[in-house]
Amino acid sequence: MPQPETNEARQENDADDQTSSLRERVEELATREGAEFSADDRATFDEFKSALNHGRIRAAERDREGVWRVNHWVKRGILLGFRMGALVEMSAHASLRFFDKSTYPVRATTLEERVRIVPGGSSVRDGAYLAPGVVCMPPMYVNAGAYVGGGTMIDSHALVGSCAQVGKRVHLSAAAQVGGVLEPVGAVPVIIEDDVLVGGGCGIYEGTVVRERAVLAAGVILTGSTPVFDLVRGEVYKREGERGLEIPAGAVVVPGARAVTSEQGRAWGLSVYAPVIVKYRDEKTDRSVQLEDFLR
């Protein structure tokens, strides 16, 4: 005899049905020509944005094999919002003026969400998800489509760009820049997995994937065209086809340089920037990068 459906399974199936319905409606709107939208169309977009705000849908997700896959329809829906919105005034004060698309105001956040947003000029755009336990130190910024996991700290002057996916217990140190990748729709956004430390002044761009427990020392810059030299394993990591640059789990990356080998480069004594993996995370590293729980 077939087993009766549990409440948990029923709720999961209902959620899948709702997501499937939302996806169909968003994709229909995204492919529609013209700039005229009805009240029902705008209600669909508000439902879509609510799902983003609550983490029910994401711009990218990790599959069972550990590969990050783009949810193309979600990125199309975010782009739809820019086409659907009108430029409006969003000024909080007559001497502090802001103008943006009506579809992307500052995100409404409540105490019940258990997100710390310390006073001082931070901003989270509507359509971004912040999990319970996230700490936002001023001033910082999170853009639409971003996903930030529980216990993560976003330090002062740090940026989480559009559609970036940041895991749990990540520390984005002061002035760290996690770039946004909204277009093209098929491009994987920047991914920062769980328990990663991103040092001060780091820049992570162009769909780079930083695997769990990696440590990026202050000043490391990673882009899709940046080769990373692994002194421990004797490997050089580069972007391969549609898959972006990936930093291995537990890698400790520092800024480095390599000599320019052309004749003129040698004559001028030139070198170019090169990130270097000098070790893999161990107990000593864990002690030096641990973010105390009382700070969260």
C-alpha atoms as a PDB file:
ATOM      1  CA  MET A   1       0.000   0.000   0.000  1.00  0.00           C
ATOM      2  CA  PRO A   2       1.245   3.493  -0.758  1.00  0.00           C
ATOM      3  CA  GLN A   3       2.239   5.468   2.335  1.00  0.00           C
ATOM      4  CA  PRO A   4       0.105   8.519   3.191  1.00  0.00           C
ATOM      5  CA  GLU A   5       1.693  11.861   2.385  1.00  0.00           C
ATOM      6  CA  THR A   6       3.173  13.593   5.439  1.00  0.00           C
ATOM      7  CA  ASN A   7       2.414  17.202   6.294  1.00  0.00           C
ATOM      8  CA  GLU A   8       6.041  18.090   5.597  1.00  0.00           C
ATOM      9  CA  ALA A   9       5.937  16.456   2.163  1.00  0.00           C
ATOM     10  CA  ARG A  10       2.607  18.111   1.403  1.00  0.00           C
ATOM     11  CA  GLN A  11       3.964  21.533   2.325  1.00  0.00           C
ATOM     12  CA  GLU A  12       7.053  20.934   0.189  1.00  0.00           C
ATOM     13  CA  ASN A  13       4.920  19.924  -2.788  1.00  0.00           C
ATOM     14  CA  ASP A  14       2.704  22.987  -2.314  1.00  0.00           C
ATOM     15  CA  ALA A  15       5.790  25.222  -2.239  1.00  0.00           C
ATOM     16  CA  ASP A  16       7.097  23.589  -5.419  1.00  0.00           C
ATOM     17  CA  ASP A  17       3.751  24.168  -7.125  1.00  0.00           C
ATOM     18  CA  GLN A  18       3.737  27.822  -6.070  1.00  0.00           C
ATOM     19  CA  THR A  19       7.298  28.303  -7.344  1.00  0.00           C
ATOM     20  CA  SER A  20       6.448  26.605 -10.636  1.00  0.00           C
ATOM     21  CA  SER A  21       3.416  28.861 -11.099  1.00  0.00           C
ATOM     22  CA  LEU A  22       5.455  31.951 -10.227  1.00  0.00           C
ATOM     23  CA  ARG A  23       8.198  30.919 -12.648  1.00  0.00           C
ATOM     24  CA  GLU A  24       5.729  30.535 -15.528  1.00  0.00           C
ATOM     25  CA  ARG A  25       4.207  33.953 -14.880  1.00  0.00           C
ATOM     26  CA  VAL A  26       7.571  35.700 -14.509  1.00  0.00           C
ATOM     27  CA  GLU A  27       8.958  34.137 -17.683  1.00  0.00           C
ATOM     28  CA  GLU A  28       5.863  35.200 -19.604  1.00  0.00           C
ATOM     29  CA  LEU A  29       6.270  38.789 -18.406  1.00  0.00           C
ATOM     30  CA  ALA A  30      10.012  38.784 -19.099  1.00  0.00           C
ATOM     31  CA  THR A  31       9.497  37.797 -22.739  1.00  0.00           C
ATOM     32  CA  ARG A  32       6.656  40.252 -23.332  1.00  0.00           C
ATOM     33  CA  GLU A  33       7.479  43.224 -25.508  1.00  0.00           C
ATOM     34  CA  GLY A  34       6.616  46.759 -24.553  1.00  0.00           C
ATOM     35  CA  ALA A  35       6.571  48.651 -21.275  1.00  0.00           C
ATOM     36  CA  GLU A  36       2.900  48.480 -20.353  1.00  0.00           C
ATOM     37  CA  PHE A  37       2.114  46.390 -17.266  1.00  0.00           C
ATOM     38  CA  SER A  38      -1.185  45.827 -15.519  1.00  0.00           C
ATOM     39  CA  ALA A  39      -1.913  45.765 -11.789  1.00  0.00           C
ATOM     40  CA  ASP A  40      -1.879  41.938 -11.954  1.00  0.00           C
ATOM     41  CA  ASP A  41       1.550  42.017 -13.620  1.00  0.00           C
ATOM     42  CA  ARG A  42       2.903  44.210 -10.850  1.00  0.00           C
ATOM     43  CA  ALA A  43       1.361  41.911  -8.249  1.00  0.00           C
ATOM     44  CA  THR A  44       3.241  39.016  -9.852  1.00  0.00           C
ATOM     45  CA  PHE A  45       6.496  40.942  -9.602  1.00  0.00           C
ATOM     46  CA  ASP A  46       5.792  41.827  -5.956  1.00  0.00           C
ATOM     47  CA  GLU A  47       5.199  38.115  -5.265  1.00  0.00           C
ATOM     48  CA  PHE A  48       8.485  37.319  -7.024  1.00  0.00           C
ATOM     49  CA  LYS A  49      10.361  39.932  -4.995  1.00  0.00           C
ATOM     50  CA  SER A  50       8.835  38.643  -1.757  1.00  0.00           C
ATOM     51  CA  ALA A  51      10.114  35.164  -2.593  1.00  0.00           C
ATOM     52  CA  LEU A  52      13.596  36.641  -3.080  1.00  0.00           C
ATOM     53  CA  ASN A  53      13.362  38.573   0.196  1.00  0.00           C
ATOM     54  CA  HIS A  54      12.469  35.404   2.102  1.00  0.00           C
ATOM     55  CA  GLY A  55      15.071  33.175   0.414  1.00  0.00           C
ATOM     56  CA  ARG A  56      12.467  30.917  -1.195  1.00  0.00           C
ATOM     57  CA  ILE A  57      14.036  31.437  -4.621  1.00  0.00           C
ATOM     58  CA  ARG A  58      17.665  32.184  -5.496  1.00  0.00           C
ATOM     59  CA  ALA A  59      19.610  33.390  -8.521  1.00  0.00           C
ATOM     60  CA  ALA A  60      21.875  30.329  -8.285  1.00  0.00           C
ATOM     61  CA  GLU A  61      21.933  27.077  -6.309  1.00  0.00           C
ATOM     62  CA  ARG A  62      24.431  24.312  -5.673  1.00  0.00           C
ATOM     63  CA  ASP A  63      23.472  20.875  -7.017  1.00  0.00           C
ATOM     64  CA  ARG A  64      24.253  17.490  -5.438  1.00  0.00           C
ATOM     65  CA  GLU A  65      27.581  17.310  -7.268  1.00  0.00           C
ATOM     66  CA  GLY A  66      28.643  20.655  -5.821  1.00  0.00           C
ATOM     67  CA  VAL A  67      28.256  22.559  -9.088  1.00  0.00           C
ATOM     68  CA  TRP A  68      26.584  25.964  -8.912  1.00  0.00           C
ATOM     69  CA  ARG A  69      23.744  26.333 -11.410  1.00  0.00           C
ATOM     70  CA  VAL A  70      22.063  29.560 -12.494  1.00  0.00           C
ATOM     71  CA  ASN A  71      18.317  29.906 -12.127  1.00  0.00           C
ATOM     72  CA  HIS A  72      17.905  31.809 -15.373  1.00  0.00           C
ATOM     73  CA  TRP A  73      14.279  32.699 -14.721  1.00  0.00           C
ATOM     74  CA  VAL A  74      15.153  34.368 -11.418  1.00  0.00           C
ATOM     75  CA  LYS A  75      17.714  36.626 -13.080  1.00  0.00           C
ATOM     76  CA  ARG A  76      15.192  37.430 -15.827  1.00  0.00           C
ATOM     77  CA  GLY A  77      12.698  38.362 -13.124  1.00  0.00           C
ATOM     78  CA  ILE A  78      15.179  40.738 -11.487  1.00  0.00           C
ATOM     79  CA  LEU A  79      15.861  42.399 -14.832  1.00  0.00           C
ATOM     80  CA  LEU A  80      12.107  42.601 -15.404  1.00  0.00           C
ATOM     81  CA  GLY A  81      11.859  44.786 -12.309  1.00  0.00           C
ATOM     82  CA  PHE A  82      14.097  47.427 -13.858  1.00  0.00           C
ATOM     83  CA  ARG A  83      11.943  47.499 -16.997  1.00  0.00           C
ATOM     84  CA  MET A  84       8.731  47.578 -14.988  1.00  0.00           C
ATOM     85  CA  GLY A  85       9.759  50.324 -12.572  1.00  0.00           C
ATOM     86  CA  ALA A  86       9.583  54.073 -13.040  1.00  0.00           C
ATOM     87  CA  LEU A  87      12.177  56.535 -11.764  1.00  0.00           C
ATOM     88  CA  VAL A  88      10.841  58.047  -8.539  1.00  0.00           C
ATOM     89  CA  GLU A  89      12.104  60.104  -5.641  1.00  0.00           C
ATOM     90  CA  MET A  90      13.138  58.079  -2.604  1.00  0.00           C
ATOM     91  CA  SER A  91      14.632  60.882  -0.522  1.00  0.00           C
ATOM     92  CA  ALA A  92      14.519  60.491   3.232  1.00  0.00           C
ATOM     93  CA  HIS A  93      15.311  64.187   3.740  1.00  0.00           C
ATOM     94  CA  ALA A  94      15.264  67.286   1.580  1.00  0.00           C
ATOM     95  CA  SER A  95      19.049  67.628   1.864  1.00  0.00           C
ATOM     96  CA  LEU A  96      19.744  63.940   1.166  1.00  0.00           C
ATOM     97  CA  ARG A  97      18.221  63.128  -2.208  1.00  0.00           C
ATOM     98  CA  PHE A  98      17.779  59.687  -3.805  1.00  0.00           C
ATOM     99  CA  PHE A  99      16.140  58.682  -7.094  1.00  0.00           C
ATOM    100  CA  ASP A 100      15.700  55.074  -8.211  1.00  0.00           C
ATOM    101  CA  LYS A 101      13.327  52.632  -9.881  1.00  0.00           C
ATOM    102  CA  SER A 102      10.047  52.323  -7.993  1.00  0.00           C
ATOM    103  CA  THR A 103      10.357  48.529  -8.060  1.00  0.00           C
ATOM    104  CA  TYR A 104      13.578  48.520  -6.015  1.00  0.00           C
ATOM    105  CA  PRO A 105      13.236  50.642  -2.870  1.00  0.00           C
ATOM    106  CA  VAL A 106      15.202  50.006   0.307  1.00  0.00           C
ATOM    107  CA  ARG A 107      14.268  46.581   1.653  1.00  0.00           C
ATOM    108  CA  ALA A 108      11.775  46.562   4.514  1.00  0.00           C
ATOM    109  CA  THR A 109      13.346  44.684   7.433  1.00  0.00           C
ATOM    110  CA  THR A 110      11.694  43.792  10.746  1.00  0.00           C
ATOM    111  CA  LEU A 111      13.070  42.880  14.160  1.00  0.00           C
ATOM    112  CA  GLU A 112      11.544  39.406  13.819  1.00  0.00           C
ATOM    113  CA  GLU A 113      14.004  38.613  11.019  1.00  0.00           C
ATOM    114  CA  ARG A 114      16.836  38.751  13.607  1.00  0.00           C
ATOM    115  CA  VAL A 115      19.235  40.632  11.345  1.00  0.00           C
ATOM    116  CA  ARG A 116      21.522  43.205  13.007  1.00  0.00           C
ATOM    117  CA  ILE A 117      21.742  46.398  10.996  1.00  0.00           C
ATOM    118  CA  VAL A 118      23.950  48.706  13.046  1.00  0.00           C
ATOM    119  CA  PRO A 119      23.086  52.421  12.676  1.00  0.00           C
ATOM    120  CA  GLY A 120      25.305  54.416  10.355  1.00  0.00           C
ATOM    121  CA  GLY A 121      24.252  54.517   6.712  1.00  0.00           C
ATOM    122  CA  SER A 122      23.936  50.907   5.530  1.00  0.00           C
ATOM    123  CA  SER A 123      21.490  49.989   2.774  1.00  0.00           C
ATOM    124  CA  VAL A 124      19.871  46.751   1.646  1.00  0.00           C
ATOM    125  CA  ARG A 125      17.955  46.871  -1.624  1.00  0.00           C
ATOM    126  CA  ASP A 126      14.606  45.159  -1.999  1.00  0.00           C
ATOM    127  CA  GLY A 127      14.852  41.667  -3.464  1.00  0.00           C
ATOM    128  CA  ALA A 128      17.797  40.556  -1.292  1.00  0.00           C
ATOM    129  CA  TYR A 129      17.748  37.831   1.382  1.00  0.00           C
ATOM    130  CA  LEU A 130      19.480  38.200   4.746  1.00  0.00           C
ATOM    131  CA  ALA A 131      19.252  35.139   6.984  1.00  0.00           C
ATOM    132  CA  PRO A 132      18.820  35.323  10.767  1.00  0.00           C
ATOM    133  CA  GLY A 133      22.093  36.168  12.469  1.00  0.00           C
ATOM    134  CA  VAL A 134      23.525  38.332   9.682  1.00  0.00           C
ATOM    135  CA  VAL A 135      25.395  41.385  10.997  1.00  0.00           C
ATOM    136  CA  CYS A 136      25.616  44.568   8.906  1.00  0.00           C
ATOM    137  CA  MET A 137      28.270  47.059   9.999  1.00  0.00           C
ATOM    138  CA  PRO A 138      27.905  50.595   8.644  1.00  0.00           C
ATOM    139  CA  PRO A 139      28.183  51.618   5.948  1.00  0.00           C
ATOM    140  CA  MET A 140      27.621  48.545   3.791  1.00  0.00           C
ATOM    141  CA  TYR A 141      25.420  47.685   0.825  1.00  0.00           C
ATOM    142  CA  VAL A 142      23.556  44.604  -0.401  1.00  0.00           C
ATOM    143  CA  ASN A 143      22.076  44.679  -3.895  1.00  0.00           C
ATOM    144  CA  ALA A 144      18.961  43.042  -5.372  1.00  0.00           C
ATOM    145  CA  GLY A 145      19.105  39.296  -5.945  1.00  0.00           C
ATOM    146  CA  ALA A 146      21.826  38.717  -3.345  1.00  0.00           C
ATOM    147  CA  TYR A 147      21.546  35.886  -0.803  1.00  0.00           C
ATOM    148  CA  VAL A 148      23.429  36.085   2.513  1.00  0.00           C
ATOM    149  CA  GLY A 149      23.485  33.069   4.839  1.00  0.00           C
ATOM    150  CA  GLY A 150      23.044  32.974   8.597  1.00  0.00           C
ATOM    151  CA  GLY A 151      25.789  34.200  10.926  1.00  0.00           C
ATOM    152  CA  THR A 152      27.616  36.138   8.193  1.00  0.00           C
ATOM    153  CA  MET A 153      29.173  39.498   9.009  1.00  0.00           C
ATOM    154  CA  ILE A 154      29.231  42.227   6.360  1.00  0.00           C
ATOM    155  CA  ASP A 155      31.779  44.721   7.615  1.00  0.00           C
ATOM    156  CA  SER A 156      32.065  48.461   6.999  1.00  0.00           C
ATOM    157  CA  HIS A 157      32.278  49.623   3.370  1.00  0.00           C
ATOM    158  CA  ALA A 158      31.702  46.073   2.111  1.00  0.00           C
ATOM    159  CA  LEU A 159      29.538  45.380  -0.946  1.00  0.00           C
ATOM    160  CA  VAL A 160      27.442  42.321  -1.792  1.00  0.00           C
ATOM    161  CA  GLY A 161      26.603  42.754  -5.465  1.00  0.00           C
ATOM    162  CA  SER A 162      23.499  41.790  -7.424  1.00  0.00           C
ATOM    163  CA  CYS A 163      22.765  38.038  -7.374  1.00  0.00           C
ATOM    164  CA  ALA A 164      25.893  37.236  -5.306  1.00  0.00           C
ATOM    165  CA  GLN A 165      25.440  34.134  -3.153  1.00  0.00           C
ATOM    166  CA  VAL A 166      27.153  34.297   0.247  1.00  0.00           C
ATOM    167  CA  GLY A 167      27.079  31.312   2.587  1.00  0.00           C
ATOM    168  CA  LYS A 168      26.835  30.872   6.343  1.00  0.00           C
ATOM    169  CA  ARG A 169      29.331  32.222   8.880  1.00  0.00           C
ATOM    170  CA  VAL A 170      31.252  34.183   6.248  1.00  0.00           C
ATOM    171  CA  HIS A 171      33.225  37.261   7.263  1.00  0.00           C
ATOM    172  CA  LEU A 172      33.346  39.966   4.613  1.00  0.00           C
ATOM    173  CA  SER A 173      35.965  42.269   6.084  1.00  0.00           C
ATOM    174  CA  ALA A 174      36.062  46.041   5.730  1.00  0.00           C
ATOM    175  CA  ALA A 175      35.948  47.295   2.121  1.00  0.00           C
ATOM    176  CA  ALA A 176      35.570  43.798   0.651  1.00  0.00           C
ATOM    177  CA  GLN A 177      33.832  43.896  -2.724  1.00  0.00           C
ATOM    178  CA  VAL A 178      31.733  40.941  -3.871  1.00  0.00           C
ATOM    179  CA  GLY A 179      30.843  41.883  -7.423  1.00  0.00           C
ATOM    180  CA  GLY A 180      27.415  41.608  -8.975  1.00  0.00           C
ATOM    181  CA  VAL A 181      26.715  39.475 -12.048  1.00  0.00           C
ATOM    182  CA  LEU A 182      23.231  40.141 -13.395  1.00  0.00           C
ATOM    183  CA  GLU A 183      23.915  39.987 -17.127  1.00  0.00           C
ATOM    184  CA  PRO A 184      24.248  37.915 -19.198  1.00  0.00           C
ATOM    185  CA  VAL A 185      21.419  35.895 -17.673  1.00  0.00           C
ATOM    186  CA  GLY A 186      23.308  32.605 -17.987  1.00  0.00           C
ATOM    187  CA  ALA A 187      26.414  33.826 -16.166  1.00  0.00           C
ATOM    188  CA  VAL A 188      27.038  32.302 -12.727  1.00  0.00           C
ATOM    189  CA  PRO A 189      27.155  35.059 -10.086  1.00  0.00           C
ATOM    190  CA  VAL A 190      29.931  35.390  -7.525  1.00  0.00           C
ATOM    191  CA  ILE A 191      29.699  32.571  -4.980  1.00  0.00           C
ATOM    192  CA  ILE A 192      31.176  32.626  -1.463  1.00  0.00           C
ATOM    193  CA  GLU A 193      30.543  29.318   0.311  1.00  0.00           C
ATOM    194  CA  ASP A 194      30.229  28.643   4.054  1.00  0.00           C
ATOM    195  CA  ASP A 195      32.878  29.646   6.618  1.00  0.00           C
ATOM    196  CA  VAL A 196      34.993  31.723   4.217  1.00  0.00           C
ATOM    197  CA  LEU A 197      37.046  34.675   5.440  1.00  0.00           C
ATOM    198  CA  VAL A 198      37.348  37.505   2.928  1.00  0.00           C
ATOM    199  CA  GLY A 199      40.044  39.918   4.080  1.00  0.00           C
ATOM    200  CA  GLY A 200      39.955  43.694   4.009  1.00  0.00           C
ATOM    201  CA  GLY A 201      40.014  45.330   0.587  1.00  0.00           C
ATOM    202  CA  CYS A 202      39.505  42.072  -1.330  1.00  0.00           C
ATOM    203  CA  GLY A 203      37.686  42.094  -4.654  1.00  0.00           C
ATOM    204  CA  ILE A 204      35.860  39.032  -5.999  1.00  0.00           C
ATOM    205  CA  TYR A 205      34.318  39.470  -9.432  1.00  0.00           C
ATOM    206  CA  GLU A 206      33.037  37.852 -12.666  1.00  0.00           C
ATOM    207  CA  GLY A 207      31.440  34.724 -11.280  1.00  0.00           C
ATOM    208  CA  THR A 208      34.361  33.523  -9.163  1.00  0.00           C
ATOM    209  CA  VAL A 209      33.476  30.643  -6.829  1.00  0.00           C
ATOM    210  CA  VAL A 210      35.243  30.594  -3.449  1.00  0.00           C
ATOM    211  CA  ARG A 211      34.737  27.180  -1.879  1.00  0.00           C
ATOM    212  CA  GLU A 212      34.020  26.567   1.803  1.00  0.00           C
ATOM    213  CA  ARG A 213      36.498  27.489   4.535  1.00  0.00           C
ATOM    214  CA  ALA A 214      38.847  29.310   2.158  1.00  0.00           C
ATOM    215  CA  VAL A 215      40.750  32.331   3.462  1.00  0.00           C
ATOM    216  CA  LEU A 216      41.497  35.338   1.265  1.00  0.00           C
ATOM    217  CA  ALA A 217      44.166  37.560   2.775  1.00  0.00           C
ATOM    218  CA  ALA A 218      43.726  41.322   2.675  1.00  0.00           C
ATOM    219  CA  GLY A 219      44.041  42.779  -0.800  1.00  0.00           C
ATOM    220  CA  VAL A 220      43.433  39.616  -2.846  1.00  0.00           C
ATOM    221  CA  ILE A 221      41.713  40.321  -6.179  1.00  0.00           C
ATOM    222  CA  LEU A 222      39.991  37.494  -8.071  1.00  0.00           C
ATOM    223  CA  THR A 223      38.402  37.814 -11.520  1.00  0.00           C
ATOM    224  CA  GLY A 224      37.417  35.432 -14.274  1.00  0.00           C
ATOM    225  CA  SER A 225      40.704  36.069 -16.060  1.00  0.00           C
ATOM    226  CA  THR A 226      42.948  35.806 -12.986  1.00  0.00           C
ATOM    227  CA  PRO A 227      45.158  32.675 -12.819  1.00  0.00           C
ATOM    228  CA  VAL A 228      45.714  31.485  -9.254  1.00  0.00           C
ATOM    229  CA  PHE A 229      48.942  29.644  -8.425  1.00  0.00           C
ATOM    230  CA  ASP A 230      48.742  26.786  -5.906  1.00  0.00           C
ATOM    231  CA  LEU A 231      52.181  26.299  -4.343  1.00  0.00           C
ATOM    232  CA  VAL A 232      50.938  23.363  -2.273  1.00  0.00           C
ATOM    233  CA  ARG A 233      49.462  21.211  -5.056  1.00  0.00           C
ATOM    234  CA  GLY A 234      51.490  22.551  -7.964  1.00  0.00           C
ATOM    235  CA  GLU A 235      48.362  23.599  -9.879  1.00  0.00           C
ATOM    236  CA  VAL A 236      47.299  26.747 -11.711  1.00  0.00           C
ATOM    237  CA  TYR A 237      43.560  27.487 -11.523  1.00  0.00           C
ATOM    238  CA  LYS A 238      41.882  29.381 -14.360  1.00  0.00           C
ATOM    239  CA  ARG A 239      38.418  29.917 -15.759  1.00  0.00           C
ATOM    240  CA  GLU A 240      37.365  26.918 -17.857  1.00  0.00           C
ATOM    241  CA  GLY A 241      34.650  27.532 -20.443  1.00  0.00           C
ATOM    242  CA  GLU A 242      31.388  28.570 -18.815  1.00  0.00           C
ATOM    243  CA  ARG A 243      32.673  27.619 -15.377  1.00  0.00           C
ATOM    244  CA  GLY A 244      34.338  30.512 -13.652  1.00  0.00           C
ATOM    245  CA  LEU A 245      37.470  30.561 -11.574  1.00  0.00           C
ATOM    246  CA  GLU A 246      37.171  28.326  -8.490  1.00  0.00           C
ATOM    247  CA  ILE A 247      39.211  28.632  -5.299  1.00  0.00           C
ATOM    248  CA  PRO A 248      39.523  25.193  -3.630  1.00  0.00           C
ATOM    249  CA  ALA A 249      37.987  24.513  -0.234  1.00  0.00           C
ATOM    250  CA  GLY A 250      40.219  25.508   2.642  1.00  0.00           C
ATOM    251  CA  ALA A 251      42.766  27.333   0.465  1.00  0.00           C
ATOM    252  CA  VAL A 252      44.654  30.249   1.997  1.00  0.00           C
ATOM    253  CA  VAL A 253      45.218  32.838  -0.748  1.00  0.00           C
ATOM    254  CA  VAL A 254      47.589  35.813  -0.521  1.00  0.00           C
ATOM    255  CA  PRO A 255      48.493  38.553  -3.008  1.00  0.00           C
ATOM    256  CA  GLY A 256      51.616  37.746  -5.024  1.00  0.00           C
ATOM    257  CA  ALA A 257      53.458  38.654  -8.215  1.00  0.00           C
ATOM    258  CA  ARG A 258      55.098  36.853 -11.130  1.00  0.00           C
ATOM    259  CA  ALA A 259      57.753  38.136 -13.491  1.00  0.00           C
ATOM    260  CA  VAL A 260      56.899  39.389 -16.982  1.00  0.00           C
ATOM    261  CA  THR A 261      58.975  37.090 -19.198  1.00  0.00           C
ATOM    262  CA  SER A 262      58.907  39.083 -22.444  1.00  0.00           C
ATOM    263  CA  GLU A 263      62.160  40.755 -23.457  1.00  0.00           C
ATOM    264  CA  GLN A 264      60.875  44.219 -22.641  1.00  0.00           C
ATOM    265  CA  GLY A 265      59.346  43.011 -19.388  1.00  0.00           C
ATOM    266  CA  ARG A 266      62.665  41.565 -18.281  1.00  0.00           C
ATOM    267  CA  ALA A 267      64.476  44.721 -19.352  1.00  0.00           C
ATOM    268  CA  TRP A 268      62.170  46.860 -17.263  1.00  0.00           C
ATOM    269  CA  GLY A 269      62.067  44.419 -14.362  1.00  0.00           C
ATOM    270  CA  LEU A 270      58.269  44.195 -14.502  1.00  0.00           C
ATOM    271  CA  SER A 271      55.972  41.821 -12.675  1.00  0.00           C
ATOM    272  CA  VAL A 272      52.200  41.330 -12.711  1.00  0.00           C
ATOM    273  CA  TYR A 273      49.772  40.603  -9.916  1.00  0.00           C
ATOM    274  CA  ALA A 274      49.245  36.906  -9.131  1.00  0.00           C
ATOM    275  CA  PRO A 275      47.190  35.461  -6.249  1.00  0.00           C
ATOM    276  CA  VAL A 276      49.008  32.565  -4.594  1.00  0.00           C
ATOM    277  CA  ILE A 277      47.741  29.670  -2.458  1.00  0.00           C
ATOM    278  CA  VAL A 278      50.418  29.310   0.208  1.00  0.00           C
ATOM    279  CA  LYS A 279      48.753  26.671   2.401  1.00  0.00           C
ATOM    280  CA  TYR A 280      45.469  24.998   3.262  1.00  0.00           C
ATOM    281  CA  ARG A 281      43.489  25.789   6.346  1.00  0.00           C
ATOM    282  CA  ASP A 282      44.577  24.108   9.583  1.00  0.00           C
ATOM    283  CA  GLU A 283      43.979  24.553  13.324  1.00  0.00           C
ATOM    284  CA  LYS A 284      46.411  27.474  13.500  1.00  0.00           C
ATOM    285  CA  THR A 285      44.553  29.230  10.672  1.00  0.00           C
ATOM    286  CA  ASP A 286      41.224  28.545  12.355  1.00  0.00           C
ATOM    287  CA  ARG A 287      42.403  30.217  15.565  1.00  0.00           C
ATOM    288  CA  SER A 288      43.723  33.282  13.752  1.00  0.00           C
ATOM    289  CA  VAL A 289      40.584  33.906  11.665  1.00  0.00           C
ATOM    290  CA  GLN A 290      37.858  32.880  14.102  1.00  0.00           C
ATOM    291  CA  LEU A 291      35.136  35.470  14.510  1.00  0.00           C
ATOM    292  CA  GLU A 292      34.024  35.320  18.120  1.00  0.00           C
ATOM    293  CA  ASP A 293      30.384  34.430  18.610  1.00  0.00           C
ATOM    294  CA  PHE A 294      29.762  37.448  20.837  1.00  0.00           C
ATOM    295  CA  LEU A 295      30.465  39.744  17.859  1.00  0.00           C
ATOM    296  CA  ARG A 296      27.619  38.250  15.816  1.00  0.00           C
END
